[in-house]
Full PDB file with SEQRES, HELIX, SHEET, SSBOND, CRYST1, ORIGX, SCALE, CONECT and MASTER records, all heavy atoms in Angstrom:
SEQRES   1 A   38  ALA ARG PRO GLU SER SER ASP THR LYS ALA TRP VAL MET          
SEQRES   2 A   38  GLY VAL PHE TYR ALA GLY LEU ALA ALA TYR ASP LYS THR          
SEQRES   3 A   38  GLY ALA ASP GLY HIS ARG PHE LEU PRO GLU LEU ILE              
HELIX    1 AA1 PRO A    3  SER A    6  5                                   4    
HELIX    2 AA2 TRP A   11  THR A   26  1                                  16    
HELIX    3 AA3 LEU A   34  LEU A   37  1                                   4    
CRYST1    1.000    1.000    1.000  90.00  90.00  90.00 P 1           1          
ORIGX1      1.000000  0.000000  0.000000        0.00000                         
ORIGX2      0.000000  1.000000  0.000000        0.00000                         
ORIGX3      0.000000  0.000000  1.000000        0.00000                         
SCALE1      1.000000  0.000000  0.000000        0.00000                         
SCALE2      0.000000  1.000000  0.000000        0.00000                         
SCALE3      0.000000  0.000000  1.000000        0.00000                         
ATOM      1  N   ALA A   1     -49.434 -77.405 -43.562  1.00  0.00           N  
ATOM      2  CA  ALA A   1     -49.956 -77.009 -44.871  1.00  0.00           C  
ATOM      3  C   ALA A   1     -48.932 -77.179 -45.977  1.00  0.00           C  
ATOM      4  O   ALA A   1     -49.179 -77.850 -46.972  1.00  0.00           O  
ATOM      5  CB  ALA A   1     -50.421 -75.554 -44.815  1.00  0.00           C  
ATOM      6  N   ARG A   2     -47.767 -76.585 -45.824  1.00  0.00           N  
ATOM      7  CA  ARG A   2     -46.692 -76.681 -46.798  1.00  0.00           C  
ATOM      8  C   ARG A   2     -45.378 -76.509 -46.051  1.00  0.00           C  
ATOM      9  O   ARG A   2     -45.348 -75.936 -44.960  1.00  0.00           O  
ATOM     10  CB  ARG A   2     -46.837 -75.575 -47.864  1.00  0.00           C  
ATOM     11  CG  ARG A   2     -47.848 -75.947 -48.939  1.00  0.00           C  
ATOM     12  CD  ARG A   2     -48.203 -74.807 -49.851  1.00  0.00           C  
ATOM     13  NE  ARG A   2     -47.063 -74.203 -50.522  1.00  0.00           N  
ATOM     14  CZ  ARG A   2     -47.169 -73.443 -51.619  1.00  0.00           C  
ATOM     15  NH1 ARG A   2     -48.346 -73.229 -52.159  1.00  0.00           N  
ATOM     16  NH2 ARG A   2     -46.110 -72.896 -52.175  1.00  0.00           N  
ATOM     17  N   PRO A   3     -44.268 -76.978 -46.605  1.00  0.00           N  
ATOM     18  CA  PRO A   3     -42.997 -76.903 -45.869  1.00  0.00           C  
ATOM     19  C   PRO A   3     -42.626 -75.508 -45.405  1.00  0.00           C  
ATOM     20  O   PRO A   3     -42.116 -75.335 -44.311  1.00  0.00           O  
ATOM     21  CB  PRO A   3     -41.980 -77.446 -46.882  1.00  0.00           C  
ATOM     22  CG  PRO A   3     -42.779 -78.353 -47.751  1.00  0.00           C  
ATOM     23  CD  PRO A   3     -44.137 -77.727 -47.860  1.00  0.00           C  
ATOM     24  N   GLU A   4     -42.921 -74.475 -46.225  1.00  0.00           N  
ATOM     25  CA  GLU A   4     -42.522 -73.130 -45.831  1.00  0.00           C  
ATOM     26  C   GLU A   4     -43.295 -72.623 -44.619  1.00  0.00           C  
ATOM     27  O   GLU A   4     -42.940 -71.617 -44.014  1.00  0.00           O  
ATOM     28  CB  GLU A   4     -42.680 -72.132 -46.991  1.00  0.00           C  
ATOM     29  CG  GLU A   4     -44.091 -72.002 -47.505  1.00  0.00           C  
ATOM     30  CD  GLU A   4     -44.355 -72.884 -48.700  1.00  0.00           C  
ATOM     31  OE1 GLU A   4     -43.874 -74.032 -48.723  1.00  0.00           O  
ATOM     32  OE2 GLU A   4     -45.042 -72.430 -49.623  1.00  0.00           O  
ATOM     33  N   SER A   5     -44.384 -73.322 -44.253  1.00  0.00           N  
ATOM     34  CA  SER A   5     -45.144 -72.917 -43.088  1.00  0.00           C  
ATOM     35  C   SER A   5     -44.329 -73.024 -41.812  1.00  0.00           C  
ATOM     36  O   SER A   5     -44.673 -72.411 -40.799  1.00  0.00           O  
ATOM     37  CB  SER A   5     -46.406 -73.788 -42.944  1.00  0.00           C  
ATOM     38  OG  SER A   5     -47.219 -73.669 -44.076  1.00  0.00           O  
ATOM     39  N   SER A   6     -43.269 -73.789 -41.810  1.00  0.00           N  
ATOM     40  CA  SER A   6     -42.456 -73.934 -40.611  1.00  0.00           C  
ATOM     41  C   SER A   6     -41.524 -72.730 -40.403  1.00  0.00           C  
ATOM     42  O   SER A   6     -40.898 -72.619 -39.350  1.00  0.00           O  
ATOM     43  CB  SER A   6     -41.630 -75.222 -40.669  1.00  0.00           C  
ATOM     44  OG  SER A   6     -40.764 -75.206 -41.797  1.00  0.00           O  
ATOM     45  N   ASP A   7     -41.427 -71.837 -41.397  1.00  0.00           N  
ATOM     46  CA  ASP A   7     -40.635 -70.626 -41.252  1.00  0.00           C  
ATOM     47  C   ASP A   7     -41.445 -69.623 -40.445  1.00  0.00           C  
ATOM     48  O   ASP A   7     -42.410 -69.044 -40.945  1.00  0.00           O  
ATOM     49  CB  ASP A   7     -40.283 -70.057 -42.627  1.00  0.00           C  
ATOM     50  CG  ASP A   7     -39.456 -68.774 -42.547  1.00  0.00           C  
ATOM     51  OD1 ASP A   7     -39.221 -68.278 -41.421  1.00  0.00           O  
ATOM     52  OD2 ASP A   7     -39.048 -68.277 -43.607  1.00  0.00           O  
ATOM     53  N   THR A   8     -41.061 -69.406 -39.208  1.00  0.00           N  
ATOM     54  CA  THR A   8     -41.876 -68.584 -38.324  1.00  0.00           C  
ATOM     55  C   THR A   8     -41.723 -67.090 -38.585  1.00  0.00           C  
ATOM     56  O   THR A   8     -42.343 -66.282 -37.897  1.00  0.00           O  
ATOM     57  CB  THR A   8     -41.559 -68.901 -36.848  1.00  0.00           C  
ATOM     58  OG1 THR A   8     -40.140 -68.832 -36.643  1.00  0.00           O  
ATOM     59  CG2 THR A   8     -42.050 -70.284 -36.476  1.00  0.00           C  
ATOM     60  N   LYS A   9     -40.918 -66.704 -39.565  1.00  0.00           N  
ATOM     61  CA  LYS A   9     -40.865 -65.301 -39.973  1.00  0.00           C  
ATOM     62  C   LYS A   9     -41.700 -65.054 -41.230  1.00  0.00           C  
ATOM     63  O   LYS A   9     -41.913 -63.903 -41.605  1.00  0.00           O  
ATOM     64  CB  LYS A   9     -39.414 -64.865 -40.227  1.00  0.00           C  
ATOM     65  CG  LYS A   9     -38.547 -64.829 -38.970  1.00  0.00           C  
ATOM     66  CD  LYS A   9     -37.223 -64.126 -39.201  1.00  0.00           C  
ATOM     67  CE  LYS A   9     -36.316 -64.871 -40.163  1.00  0.00           C  
ATOM     68  NZ  LYS A   9     -35.839 -66.156 -39.604  1.00  0.00           N  
ATOM     69  N   ALA A  10     -42.155 -66.099 -41.907  1.00  0.00           N  
ATOM     70  CA  ALA A  10     -42.909 -65.950 -43.151  1.00  0.00           C  
ATOM     71  C   ALA A  10     -44.366 -65.596 -42.860  1.00  0.00           C  
ATOM     72  O   ALA A  10     -44.896 -65.872 -41.779  1.00  0.00           O  
ATOM     73  CB  ALA A  10     -42.829 -67.237 -43.968  1.00  0.00           C  
ATOM     74  N   TRP A  11     -45.039 -65.026 -43.842  1.00  0.00           N  
ATOM     75  CA  TRP A  11     -46.413 -64.563 -43.656  1.00  0.00           C  
ATOM     76  C   TRP A  11     -47.363 -65.685 -43.293  1.00  0.00           C  
ATOM     77  O   TRP A  11     -48.357 -65.462 -42.586  1.00  0.00           O  
ATOM     78  CB  TRP A  11     -46.907 -63.847 -44.918  1.00  0.00           C  
ATOM     79  CG  TRP A  11     -47.220 -64.762 -46.072  1.00  0.00           C  
ATOM     80  CD1 TRP A  11     -46.363 -65.181 -47.041  1.00  0.00           C  
ATOM     81  CD2 TRP A  11     -48.482 -65.387 -46.356  1.00  0.00           C  
ATOM     82  NE1 TRP A  11     -47.006 -66.029 -47.917  1.00  0.00           N  
ATOM     83  CE2 TRP A  11     -48.299 -66.163 -47.521  1.00  0.00           C  
ATOM     84  CE3 TRP A  11     -49.728 -65.364 -45.745  1.00  0.00           C  
ATOM     85  CZ2 TRP A  11     -49.336 -66.915 -48.079  1.00  0.00           C  
ATOM     86  CZ3 TRP A  11     -50.762 -66.106 -46.298  1.00  0.00           C  
ATOM     87  CH2 TRP A  11     -50.569 -66.868 -47.454  1.00  0.00           C  
ATOM     88  N   VAL A  12     -47.085 -66.886 -43.792  1.00  0.00           N  
ATOM     89  CA  VAL A  12     -47.991 -68.019 -43.565  1.00  0.00           C  
ATOM     90  C   VAL A  12     -48.208 -68.238 -42.074  1.00  0.00           C  
ATOM     91  O   VAL A  12     -49.346 -68.404 -41.606  1.00  0.00           O  
ATOM     92  CB  VAL A  12     -47.427 -69.290 -44.232  1.00  0.00           C  
ATOM     93  CG1 VAL A  12     -48.310 -70.494 -43.951  1.00  0.00           C  
ATOM     94  CG2 VAL A  12     -47.289 -69.090 -45.731  1.00  0.00           C  
ATOM     95  N   MET A  13     -47.121 -68.233 -41.326  1.00  0.00           N  
ATOM     96  CA  MET A  13     -47.227 -68.340 -39.874  1.00  0.00           C  
ATOM     97  C   MET A  13     -47.447 -66.974 -39.228  1.00  0.00           C  
ATOM     98  O   MET A  13     -48.044 -66.881 -38.150  1.00  0.00           O  
ATOM     99  CB  MET A  13     -45.978 -68.991 -39.296  1.00  0.00           C  
ATOM    100  CG  MET A  13     -45.842 -70.464 -39.615  1.00  0.00           C  
ATOM    101  SD  MET A  13     -47.215 -71.495 -38.992  1.00  0.00           S  
ATOM    102  CE  MET A  13     -46.933 -71.413 -37.214  1.00  0.00           C  
ATOM    103  N   GLY A  14     -46.979 -65.905 -39.878  1.00  0.00           N  
ATOM    104  CA  GLY A  14     -47.148 -64.575 -39.306  1.00  0.00           C  
ATOM    105  C   GLY A  14     -48.606 -64.217 -39.090  1.00  0.00           C  
ATOM    106  O   GLY A  14     -48.961 -63.591 -38.080  1.00  0.00           O  
ATOM    107  N   VAL A  15     -49.479 -64.613 -40.025  1.00  0.00           N  
ATOM    108  CA  VAL A  15     -50.908 -64.342 -39.853  1.00  0.00           C  
ATOM    109  C   VAL A  15     -51.450 -65.161 -38.688  1.00  0.00           C  
ATOM    110  O   VAL A  15     -52.283 -64.674 -37.903  1.00  0.00           O  
ATOM    111  CB  VAL A  15     -51.681 -64.640 -41.148  1.00  0.00           C  
ATOM    112  CG1 VAL A  15     -53.172 -64.444 -40.928  1.00  0.00           C  
ATOM    113  CG2 VAL A  15     -51.195 -63.764 -42.290  1.00  0.00           C  
ATOM    114  N   PHE A  16     -50.989 -66.397 -38.546  1.00  0.00           N  
ATOM    115  CA  PHE A  16     -51.420 -67.195 -37.408  1.00  0.00           C  
ATOM    116  C   PHE A  16     -51.041 -66.514 -36.099  1.00  0.00           C  
ATOM    117  O   PHE A  16     -51.856 -66.397 -35.177  1.00  0.00           O  
ATOM    118  CB  PHE A  16     -50.816 -68.603 -37.454  1.00  0.00           C  
ATOM    119  CG  PHE A  16     -51.004 -69.365 -36.169  1.00  0.00           C  
ATOM    120  CD1 PHE A  16     -52.269 -69.707 -35.718  1.00  0.00           C  
ATOM    121  CD2 PHE A  16     -49.910 -69.721 -35.385  1.00  0.00           C  
ATOM    122  CE1 PHE A  16     -52.455 -70.389 -34.518  1.00  0.00           C  
ATOM    123  CE2 PHE A  16     -50.072 -70.404 -34.193  1.00  0.00           C  
ATOM    124  CZ  PHE A  16     -51.351 -70.732 -33.759  1.00  0.00           C  
ATOM    125  N   TYR A  17     -49.811 -66.030 -36.016  1.00  0.00           N  
ATOM    126  CA  TYR A  17     -49.376 -65.393 -34.771  1.00  0.00           C  
ATOM    127  C   TYR A  17     -50.116 -64.082 -34.529  1.00  0.00           C  
ATOM    128  O   TYR A  17     -50.370 -63.718 -33.374  1.00  0.00           O  
ATOM    129  CB  TYR A  17     -47.859 -65.178 -34.787  1.00  0.00           C  
ATOM    130  CG  TYR A  17     -47.086 -66.478 -34.772  1.00  0.00           C  
ATOM    131  CD1 TYR A  17     -46.109 -66.739 -35.728  1.00  0.00           C  
ATOM    132  CD2 TYR A  17     -47.360 -67.457 -33.810  1.00  0.00           C  
ATOM    133  CE1 TYR A  17     -45.413 -67.937 -35.725  1.00  0.00           C  
ATOM    134  CE2 TYR A  17     -46.661 -68.664 -33.815  1.00  0.00           C  
ATOM    135  CZ  TYR A  17     -45.692 -68.890 -34.770  1.00  0.00           C  
ATOM    136  OH  TYR A  17     -45.011 -70.080 -34.772  1.00  0.00           O  
ATOM    137  N   ALA A  18     -50.499 -63.373 -35.586  1.00  0.00           N  
ATOM    138  CA  ALA A  18     -51.305 -62.169 -35.414  1.00  0.00           C  
ATOM    139  C   ALA A  18     -52.654 -62.529 -34.783  1.00  0.00           C  
ATOM    140  O   ALA A  18     -53.147 -61.839 -33.881  1.00  0.00           O  
ATOM    141  CB  ALA A  18     -51.500 -61.459 -36.745  1.00  0.00           C  
ATOM    142  N   GLY A  19     -53.267 -63.608 -35.286  1.00  0.00           N  
ATOM    143  CA  GLY A  19     -54.533 -64.056 -34.709  1.00  0.00           C  
ATOM    144  C   GLY A  19     -54.371 -64.566 -33.290  1.00  0.00           C  
ATOM    145  O   GLY A  19     -55.206 -64.304 -32.411  1.00  0.00           O  
ATOM    146  N   LEU A  20     -53.277 -65.296 -33.056  1.00  0.00           N  
ATOM    147  CA  LEU A  20     -53.018 -65.826 -31.706  1.00  0.00           C  
ATOM    148  C   LEU A  20     -52.812 -64.669 -30.726  1.00  0.00           C  
ATOM    149  O   LEU A  20     -53.318 -64.715 -29.592  1.00  0.00           O  
ATOM    150  CB  LEU A  20     -51.784 -66.723 -31.740  1.00  0.00           C  
ATOM    151  CG  LEU A  20     -51.475 -67.497 -30.462  1.00  0.00           C  
ATOM    152  CD1 LEU A  20     -52.550 -68.533 -30.161  1.00  0.00           C  
ATOM    153  CD2 LEU A  20     -50.101 -68.177 -30.572  1.00  0.00           C  
ATOM    154  N   ALA A  21     -52.094 -63.634 -31.159  1.00  0.00           N  
ATOM    155  CA  ALA A  21     -51.868 -62.482 -30.288  1.00  0.00           C  
ATOM    156  C   ALA A  21     -53.179 -61.756 -29.988  1.00  0.00           C  
ATOM    157  O   ALA A  21     -53.422 -61.336 -28.846  1.00  0.00           O  
ATOM    158  CB  ALA A  21     -50.864 -61.528 -30.927  1.00  0.00           C  
ATOM    159  N   ALA A  22     -54.023 -61.592 -31.014  1.00  0.00           N  
ATOM    160  CA  ALA A  22     -55.309 -60.928 -30.796  1.00  0.00           C  
ATOM    161  C   ALA A  22     -56.160 -61.724 -29.812  1.00  0.00           C  
ATOM    162  O   ALA A  22     -56.800 -61.155 -28.912  1.00  0.00           O  
ATOM    163  CB  ALA A  22     -56.044 -60.769 -32.123  1.00  0.00           C  
ATOM    164  N   TYR A  23     -56.160 -63.043 -29.950  1.00  0.00           N  
ATOM    165  CA  TYR A  23     -56.930 -63.880 -29.038  1.00  0.00           C  
ATOM    166  C   TYR A  23     -56.355 -63.817 -27.628  1.00  0.00           C  
ATOM    167  O   TYR A  23     -57.085 -63.671 -26.646  1.00  0.00           O  
ATOM    168  CB  TYR A  23     -56.948 -65.322 -29.552  1.00  0.00           C  
ATOM    169  CG  TYR A  23     -57.637 -66.298 -28.626  1.00  0.00           C  
ATOM    170  CD1 TYR A  23     -58.901 -66.022 -28.132  1.00  0.00           C  
ATOM    171  CD2 TYR A  23     -57.024 -67.486 -28.254  1.00  0.00           C  
ATOM    172  CE1 TYR A  23     -59.536 -66.914 -27.283  1.00  0.00           C  
ATOM    173  CE2 TYR A  23     -57.651 -68.381 -27.402  1.00  0.00           C  
ATOM    174  CZ  TYR A  23     -58.908 -68.086 -26.922  1.00  0.00           C  
ATOM    175  OH  TYR A  23     -59.529 -68.955 -26.070  1.00  0.00           O  
ATOM    176  N   ASP A  24     -55.037 -63.868 -27.520  1.00  0.00           N  
ATOM    177  CA  ASP A  24     -54.425 -63.821 -26.190  1.00  0.00           C  
ATOM    178  C   ASP A  24     -54.730 -62.497 -25.495  1.00  0.00           C  
ATOM    179  O   ASP A  24     -54.949 -62.467 -24.274  1.00  0.00           O  
ATOM    180  CB  ASP A  24     -52.914 -64.024 -26.305  1.00  0.00           C  
ATOM    181  CG  ASP A  24     -52.262 -64.208 -24.948  1.00  0.00           C  
ATOM    182  OD1 ASP A  24     -52.356 -65.326 -24.400  1.00  0.00           O  
ATOM    183  OD2 ASP A  24     -51.696 -63.235 -24.422  1.00  0.00           O  
ATOM    184  N   LYS A  25     -54.780 -61.411 -26.248  1.00  0.00           N  
ATOM    185  CA  LYS A  25     -55.026 -60.095 -25.658  1.00  0.00           C  
ATOM    186  C   LYS A  25     -56.430 -59.972 -25.073  1.00  0.00           C  
ATOM    187  O   LYS A  25     -56.673 -59.106 -24.224  1.00  0.00           O  
ATOM    188  CB  LYS A  25     -54.786 -58.996 -26.697  1.00  0.00           C  
ATOM    189  CG  LYS A  25     -53.313 -58.747 -26.975  1.00  0.00           C  
ATOM    190  CD  LYS A  25     -53.099 -57.879 -28.193  1.00  0.00           C  
ATOM    191  CE  LYS A  25     -53.530 -56.471 -27.989  1.00  0.00           C  
ATOM    192  NZ  LYS A  25     -53.171 -55.614 -29.165  1.00  0.00           N  
ATOM    193  N   THR A  26     -57.374 -60.819 -25.493  1.00  0.00           N  
ATOM    194  CA  THR A  26     -58.702 -60.758 -24.898  1.00  0.00           C  
ATOM    195  C   THR A  26     -58.674 -61.218 -23.442  1.00  0.00           C  
ATOM    196  O   THR A  26     -59.562 -60.876 -22.663  1.00  0.00           O  
ATOM    197  CB  THR A  26     -59.712 -61.645 -25.662  1.00  0.00           C  
ATOM    198  OG1 THR A  26     -59.386 -63.030 -25.479  1.00  0.00           O  
ATOM    199  CG2 THR A  26     -59.757 -61.290 -27.144  1.00  0.00           C  
ATOM    200  N   GLY A  27     -57.686 -62.011 -23.074  1.00  0.00           N  
ATOM    201  CA  GLY A  27     -57.625 -62.544 -21.712  1.00  0.00           C  
ATOM    202  C   GLY A  27     -58.563 -63.704 -21.465  1.00  0.00           C  
ATOM    203  O   GLY A  27     -58.581 -64.268 -20.361  1.00  0.00           O  
ATOM    204  N   ALA A  28     -59.341 -64.099 -22.475  1.00  0.00           N  
ATOM    205  CA  ALA A  28     -60.331 -65.153 -22.270  1.00  0.00           C  
ATOM    206  C   ALA A  28     -59.692 -66.484 -21.920  1.00  0.00           C  
ATOM    207  O   ALA A  28     -60.307 -67.323 -21.251  1.00  0.00           O  
ATOM    208  CB  ALA A  28     -61.195 -65.303 -23.524  1.00  0.00           C  
ATOM    209  N   ASP A  29     -58.448 -66.697 -22.367  1.00  0.00           N  
ATOM    210  CA  ASP A  29     -57.746 -67.956 -22.122  1.00  0.00           C  
ATOM    211  C   ASP A  29     -56.734 -67.834 -20.997  1.00  0.00           C  
ATOM    212  O   ASP A  29     -55.864 -68.697 -20.842  1.00  0.00           O  
ATOM    213  CB  ASP A  29     -57.046 -68.429 -23.400  1.00  0.00           C  
ATOM    214  CG  ASP A  29     -55.943 -67.454 -23.835  1.00  0.00           C  
ATOM    215  OD1 ASP A  29     -55.938 -66.312 -23.326  1.00  0.00           O  
ATOM    216  OD2 ASP A  29     -55.110 -67.833 -24.656  1.00  0.00           O  
ATOM    217  N   GLY A  30     -56.818 -66.736 -20.227  1.00  0.00           N  
ATOM    218  CA  GLY A  30     -55.844 -66.539 -19.164  1.00  0.00           C  
ATOM    219  C   GLY A  30     -54.463 -66.178 -19.671  1.00  0.00           C  
ATOM    220  O   GLY A  30     -53.471 -66.361 -18.970  1.00  0.00           O  
ATOM    221  N   HIS A  31     -54.384 -65.678 -20.913  1.00  0.00           N  
ATOM    222  CA  HIS A  31     -53.108 -65.289 -21.537  1.00  0.00           C  
ATOM    223  C   HIS A  31     -52.128 -66.462 -21.609  1.00  0.00           C  
ATOM    224  O   HIS A  31     -50.922 -66.273 -21.508  1.00  0.00           O  
ATOM    225  CB  HIS A  31     -52.475 -64.115 -20.784  1.00  0.00           C  
ATOM    226  CG  HIS A  31     -53.381 -62.928 -20.664  1.00  0.00           C  
ATOM    227  ND1 HIS A  31     -53.800 -62.200 -21.750  1.00  0.00           N  
ATOM    228  CD2 HIS A  31     -53.977 -62.362 -19.577  1.00  0.00           C  
ATOM    229  CE1 HIS A  31     -54.607 -61.217 -21.334  1.00  0.00           C  
ATOM    230  NE2 HIS A  31     -54.722 -61.306 -20.037  1.00  0.00           N  
ATOM    231  N   ARG A  32     -52.667 -67.641 -21.824  1.00  0.00           N  
ATOM    232  CA  ARG A  32     -51.770 -68.799 -21.816  1.00  0.00           C  
ATOM    233  C   ARG A  32     -50.922 -68.912 -23.073  1.00  0.00           C  
ATOM    234  O   ARG A  32     -49.969 -69.689 -23.117  1.00  0.00           O  
ATOM    235  CB  ARG A  32     -52.556 -70.087 -21.574  1.00  0.00           C  
ATOM    236  CG  ARG A  32     -53.310 -70.675 -22.752  1.00  0.00           C  
ATOM    237  CD  ARG A  32     -53.981 -71.973 -22.304  1.00  0.00           C  
ATOM    238  NE  ARG A  32     -54.652 -72.679 -23.369  1.00  0.00           N  
ATOM    239  CZ  ARG A  32     -54.067 -73.607 -24.128  1.00  0.00           C  
ATOM    240  NH1 ARG A  32     -52.785 -73.891 -23.964  1.00  0.00           N  
ATOM    241  NH2 ARG A  32     -54.760 -74.239 -25.059  1.00  0.00           N  
ATOM    242  N   PHE A  33     -51.240 -68.129 -24.118  1.00  0.00           N  
ATOM    243  CA  PHE A  33     -50.458 -68.206 -25.355  1.00  0.00           C  
ATOM    244  C   PHE A  33     -49.381 -67.130 -25.449  1.00  0.00           C  
ATOM    245  O   PHE A  33     -48.579 -67.145 -26.392  1.00  0.00           O  
ATOM    246  CB  PHE A  33     -51.383 -68.150 -26.576  1.00  0.00           C  
ATOM    247  CG  PHE A  33     -52.233 -69.384 -26.719  1.00  0.00           C  
ATOM    248  CD1 PHE A  33     -53.607 -69.323 -26.518  1.00  0.00           C  
ATOM    249  CD2 PHE A  33     -51.659 -70.607 -27.020  1.00  0.00           C  
ATOM    250  CE1 PHE A  33     -54.396 -70.464 -26.636  1.00  0.00           C  
ATOM    251  CE2 PHE A  33     -52.445 -71.760 -27.132  1.00  0.00           C  
ATOM    252  CZ  PHE A  33     -53.817 -71.677 -26.939  1.00  0.00           C  
ATOM    253  N   LEU A  34     -49.342 -66.197 -24.521  1.00  0.00           N  
ATOM    254  CA  LEU A  34     -48.287 -65.187 -24.547  1.00  0.00           C  
ATOM    255  C   LEU A  34     -46.894 -65.819 -24.487  1.00  0.00           C  
ATOM    256  O   LEU A  34     -46.007 -65.398 -25.250  1.00  0.00           O  
ATOM    257  CB  LEU A  34     -48.471 -64.190 -23.403  1.00  0.00           C  
ATOM    258  CG  LEU A  34     -47.430 -63.063 -23.330  1.00  0.00           C  
ATOM    259  CD1 LEU A  34     -47.442 -62.215 -24.591  1.00  0.00           C  
ATOM    260  CD2 LEU A  34     -47.692 -62.187 -22.097  1.00  0.00           C  
ATOM    261  N   PRO A  35     -46.635 -66.827 -23.644  1.00  0.00           N  
ATOM    262  CA  PRO A  35     -45.313 -67.452 -23.655  1.00  0.00           C  
ATOM    263  C   PRO A  35     -44.936 -68.052 -25.010  1.00  0.00           C  
ATOM    264  O   PRO A  35     -43.757 -68.022 -25.408  1.00  0.00           O  
ATOM    265  CB  PRO A  35     -45.409 -68.527 -22.572  1.00  0.00           C  
ATOM    266  CG  PRO A  35     -46.463 -68.031 -21.642  1.00  0.00           C  
ATOM    267  CD  PRO A  35     -47.464 -67.354 -22.534  1.00  0.00           C  
ATOM    268  N   GLU A  36     -45.911 -68.579 -25.744  1.00  0.00           N  
ATOM    269  CA  GLU A  36     -45.639 -69.119 -27.079  1.00  0.00           C  
ATOM    270  C   GLU A  36     -45.206 -68.009 -28.022  1.00  0.00           C  
ATOM    271  O   GLU A  36     -44.259 -68.167 -28.804  1.00  0.00           O  
ATOM    272  CB  GLU A  36     -46.888 -69.807 -27.634  1.00  0.00           C  
ATOM    273  CG  GLU A  36     -46.755 -70.328 -29.057  1.00  0.00           C  
ATOM    274  CD  GLU A  36     -45.778 -71.488 -29.194  1.00  0.00           C  
ATOM    275  OE1 GLU A  36     -45.488 -72.160 -28.187  1.00  0.00           O  
ATOM    276  OE2 GLU A  36     -45.312 -71.716 -30.334  1.00  0.00           O  
ATOM    277  N   LEU A  37     -45.868 -66.865 -27.957  1.00  0.00           N  
ATOM    278  CA  LEU A  37     -45.519 -65.743 -28.811  1.00  0.00           C  
ATOM    279  C   LEU A  37     -44.125 -65.212 -28.480  1.00  0.00           C  
ATOM    280  O   LEU A  37     -43.350 -64.869 -29.378  1.00  0.00           O  
ATOM    281  CB  LEU A  37     -46.558 -64.631 -28.660  1.00  0.00           C  
ATOM    282  CG  LEU A  37     -47.953 -64.973 -29.211  1.00  0.00           C  
ATOM    283  CD1 LEU A  37     -48.991 -64.007 -28.665  1.00  0.00           C  
ATOM    284  CD2 LEU A  37     -47.955 -64.931 -30.739  1.00  0.00           C  
ATOM    285  N   ILE A  38     -43.801 -65.155 -27.202  1.00  0.00           N  
ATOM    286  CA  ILE A  38     -42.461 -64.709 -26.799  1.00  0.00           C  
ATOM    287  C   ILE A  38     -41.413 -65.717 -27.253  1.00  0.00           C  
ATOM    288  O   ILE A  38     -40.329 -65.338 -27.733  1.00  0.00           O  
ATOM    289  CB  ILE A  38     -42.412 -64.490 -25.273  1.00  0.00           C  
ATOM    290  CG1 ILE A  38     -43.298 -63.305 -24.883  1.00  0.00           C  
ATOM    291  CG2 ILE A  38     -40.976 -64.259 -24.798  1.00  0.00           C  
ATOM    292  CD1 ILE A  38     -43.439 -63.100 -23.388  1.00  0.00           C  
TER     293      ILE A  38                                                      
MASTER        0    0    0    3    0    0    0    6  292    1    0    3          
END                                                                             
C-alpha cells in the first residue's frame, strides 16, 4: 500500500496482525498463522 506499511510496529500492519490473530484463534486454518505472528 505505502512504504510505511513495511513497519511491522505501525498501525497499518498492526491492524492486519490483529485480524490475522483473530482468524488464527478460530482454529479454522489449523493455527497455521500463529508462527507468523510469533
